[in-house]
Protein backbone atom coordinates (compact mmCIF):
# COMPACT_ATOMS: atom_id res chain seq x y z
CA MET A 1 -14.95 90.25 -97.07
CA VAL A 2 -17.51 89.27 -94.42
CA THR A 3 -20.86 90.98 -94.72
CA THR A 4 -22.88 92.49 -91.89
CA ASP A 5 -25.53 89.79 -92.38
CA GLU A 6 -22.90 87.03 -92.10
CA LEU A 7 -21.55 88.57 -88.89
CA ALA A 8 -25.07 88.84 -87.48
CA LEU A 9 -25.67 85.15 -88.22
CA GLU A 10 -22.37 84.18 -86.61
CA ILE A 11 -23.11 86.27 -83.51
CA ALA A 12 -26.58 84.72 -83.23
CA SER A 13 -25.04 81.25 -83.49
CA LEU A 14 -22.46 82.09 -80.81
CA LYS A 15 -25.20 83.44 -78.52
CA ARG A 16 -27.14 80.15 -78.84
CA ARG A 17 -24.01 78.13 -78.08
CA VAL A 18 -23.13 80.25 -75.04
CA ASP A 19 -26.72 80.07 -73.77
CA SER A 20 -26.72 76.29 -74.19
CA SER A 21 -23.38 75.93 -72.38
CA GLU A 22 -24.46 78.20 -69.54
CA SER A 23 -27.74 76.30 -69.29
CA VAL A 24 -25.93 72.97 -68.95
CA LEU A 25 -23.75 74.42 -66.18
CA SER A 26 -26.82 75.84 -64.40
CA ILE A 27 -28.61 72.48 -64.60
CA GLN A 28 -25.55 70.71 -63.19
CA LYS A 29 -25.51 73.20 -60.31
CA LEU A 30 -29.25 72.63 -59.77
CA LYS A 31 -28.76 68.86 -59.58
CA ALA A 32 -25.86 69.29 -57.13
CA ARG A 33 -28.11 71.40 -54.89
CA TYR A 34 -30.83 68.75 -55.23
CA ALA A 35 -28.44 66.05 -53.97
CA GLU A 36 -27.13 68.28 -51.20
CA LEU A 37 -30.62 68.98 -49.85
CA VAL A 38 -31.78 65.36 -50.09
CA ASP A 39 -28.79 64.30 -48.02
CA GLN A 40 -29.05 67.16 -45.50
CA ARG A 41 -32.16 65.48 -44.09
CA PHE A 42 -29.81 63.27 -42.07
CA SER A 43 -27.14 63.92 -39.48
CA LYS A 44 -25.06 61.34 -37.64
CA GLY A 45 -27.24 58.44 -38.78
CA ALA A 46 -30.60 59.97 -37.88
CA VAL A 47 -33.22 62.24 -39.39
CA VAL A 48 -32.66 65.88 -38.39
CA ASP A 49 -35.16 67.60 -36.07
CA ALA A 50 -38.63 68.42 -37.45
CA ALA A 51 -38.07 72.18 -37.89
CA THR A 52 -34.78 71.68 -39.75
CA LEU A 53 -36.32 68.92 -41.85
CA ALA A 54 -39.23 71.19 -42.83
CA THR A 55 -36.84 73.94 -43.94
CA ILE A 56 -34.70 71.51 -45.95
CA THR A 57 -37.67 69.88 -47.68
CA ASP A 58 -39.28 73.24 -48.47
CA ASN A 59 -35.98 74.37 -50.02
CA PHE A 60 -35.82 71.10 -51.94
CA ALA A 61 -39.37 71.51 -53.27
CA ALA A 62 -38.49 75.05 -54.41
CA LEU A 63 -36.07 73.46 -56.90
CA PHE A 64 -39.17 72.32 -58.82
CA THR A 65 -41.65 74.26 -60.90
CA PRO A 66 -44.90 74.94 -58.99
CA GLU A 67 -46.60 72.04 -60.82
CA GLY A 68 -43.47 69.84 -60.83
CA THR A 69 -43.48 66.06 -60.39
CA TRP A 70 -41.15 63.98 -58.23
CA ASP A 71 -41.38 60.23 -58.95
CA GLY A 72 -39.44 58.01 -56.55
CA GLY A 73 -40.52 54.81 -58.31
CA PRO A 74 -42.95 52.04 -57.28
CA GLY A 75 -41.59 51.73 -53.74
CA VAL A 76 -41.79 55.43 -52.88
CA GLY A 77 -44.48 56.89 -55.13
CA VAL A 78 -45.19 60.09 -57.03
CA SER A 79 -45.71 63.61 -55.67
CA ARG A 80 -47.01 66.55 -57.67
CA GLY A 81 -46.57 70.19 -56.74
CA ARG A 82 -44.21 71.74 -54.25
CA VAL A 83 -46.37 71.09 -51.17
CA GLU A 84 -46.66 67.34 -51.92
CA ILE A 85 -42.97 67.07 -52.83
CA ALA A 86 -41.89 68.67 -49.54
CA LYS A 87 -44.27 66.42 -47.61
CA LYS A 88 -42.95 63.28 -49.36
CA LEU A 89 -39.35 64.18 -48.56
CA ARG A 90 -40.21 64.74 -44.87
CA ASP A 91 -41.62 61.19 -44.68
CA THR A 92 -38.31 59.40 -45.18
CA THR A 93 -37.67 55.71 -44.62
CA PHE A 94 -33.91 56.30 -44.48
CA THR A 95 -31.66 57.49 -41.67
CA PHE A 96 -28.76 58.25 -44.00
CA SER A 97 -28.09 58.78 -47.69
CA ARG A 98 -25.40 60.25 -49.86
CA HIS A 99 -26.41 60.85 -53.49
CA PHE A 100 -23.76 60.79 -56.21
CA PHE A 101 -25.09 61.85 -59.61
CA LEU A 102 -22.78 60.88 -62.44
CA ASN A 103 -22.52 60.95 -66.22
CA PRO A 104 -25.05 63.68 -66.97
CA ARG A 105 -26.53 63.61 -70.46
CA ILE A 106 -28.20 67.02 -70.78
CA GLU A 107 -30.04 68.29 -73.87
CA VAL A 108 -31.16 71.93 -73.91
CA VAL A 109 -33.71 73.32 -76.36
CA GLY A 110 -34.55 76.93 -75.62
CA ASP A 111 -36.19 77.17 -72.19
CA ALA A 112 -36.63 73.39 -71.82
CA ALA A 113 -34.13 70.63 -71.15
CA LYS A 114 -33.95 66.90 -70.49
CA ALA A 115 -31.28 64.92 -68.72
CA ARG A 116 -30.43 61.44 -67.54
CA TRP A 117 -28.17 61.12 -64.50
CA ASP A 118 -26.66 57.88 -63.23
CA LEU A 119 -27.07 57.53 -59.47
CA LEU A 120 -24.99 55.74 -56.86
CA SER A 121 -26.08 56.16 -53.26
CA PRO A 122 -25.00 54.52 -50.04
CA CYS A 123 -28.01 54.67 -47.73
CA ARG A 124 -29.30 53.22 -44.48
CA ARG A 125 -32.63 52.33 -42.90
CA GLY A 126 -32.88 52.25 -39.14
CA GLU A 127 -29.64 51.79 -37.27
CA SER A 128 -28.19 48.82 -39.11
CA GLU A 129 -29.71 48.18 -42.57
CA SER A 130 -27.10 49.60 -44.95
CA TYR A 131 -27.54 49.47 -48.72
CA TRP A 132 -25.97 50.46 -51.98
CA MET A 133 -28.57 51.87 -54.31
CA CYS A 134 -27.79 52.22 -57.99
CA GLY A 135 -30.04 53.59 -60.69
CA PHE A 136 -30.74 56.61 -62.84
CA GLU A 137 -32.92 59.68 -62.81
CA ASP A 138 -34.64 61.06 -65.88
CA ASP A 139 -35.30 64.78 -65.46
CA GLU A 140 -37.13 67.47 -67.37
CA TYR A 141 -36.32 71.11 -66.68
CA GLN A 142 -37.87 74.47 -67.45
CA ARG A 143 -36.26 77.88 -67.38
CA ILE A 144 -38.62 80.31 -65.68
CA ASP A 145 -37.64 83.98 -65.36
CA GLY A 146 -34.05 83.04 -66.16
CA GLU A 147 -33.83 80.27 -63.52
CA TRP A 148 -33.62 76.57 -64.32
CA LEU A 149 -35.96 74.36 -62.26
CA HIS A 150 -36.91 70.70 -62.25
CA HIS A 151 -40.22 70.13 -63.98
CA SER A 152 -40.13 66.40 -63.41
CA MET A 153 -37.85 63.73 -61.98
CA LYS A 154 -38.31 59.99 -62.30
CA LEU A 155 -36.05 57.56 -60.41
CA THR A 156 -35.43 54.09 -61.79
CA THR A 157 -33.67 51.80 -59.31
CA VAL A 158 -31.40 49.23 -60.97
CA PHE A 159 -30.40 47.52 -57.72
CA MET A 160 -30.41 48.00 -53.98
CA THR A 161 -28.35 45.58 -51.95
CA PRO A 162 -26.54 45.35 -48.62
CA PRO A 163 -22.82 46.13 -49.03
CA GLY A 164 -21.69 42.61 -48.12
CA GLU A 165 -23.92 40.81 -50.63
CA GLY A 166 -22.52 42.27 -53.81
CA TRP A 167 -24.96 43.03 -56.60
CA SER A 168 -27.11 39.92 -56.61
CA LYS A 169 -30.53 41.71 -56.74
CA ILE A 170 -30.58 43.57 -60.04
CA PHE A 171 -33.98 45.08 -60.94
CA VAL A 172 -33.33 46.41 -64.45
């Protein structure tokens, strides 16, 4: 016969597993929103108007903790805090991007989590410089008042090459 203490332990274990599973799903949803907002900065091959861009980048920055860090790598730089992150995203060098985050490896421990996401992104500078960008993002997350937020994001670009050249310029 199962004792009350054994049932309590089993229920506690099930609660941890459910919380972990729900956390992973929430983090996946957060990253999808992240990609959606990054790409909404562009419409029909151009940056959206200034007011729309400000709203999008403020919403993007709100996906981070107040002291969060966004690290776009050596070519783009690091921004800390929501105000700097929003400002960095308004100062885009692209006129188009579409971010595809793949193969999430998410580890949740209580109210903290880490993940690595593979990234594939067609993007464009100006009116004619098209590229394939491939890399990965290493993220740290915090759960604050029941909501998962980015605490940090670091992009590592593996390659960025025009579509017709293949993958001849591999960085990592």
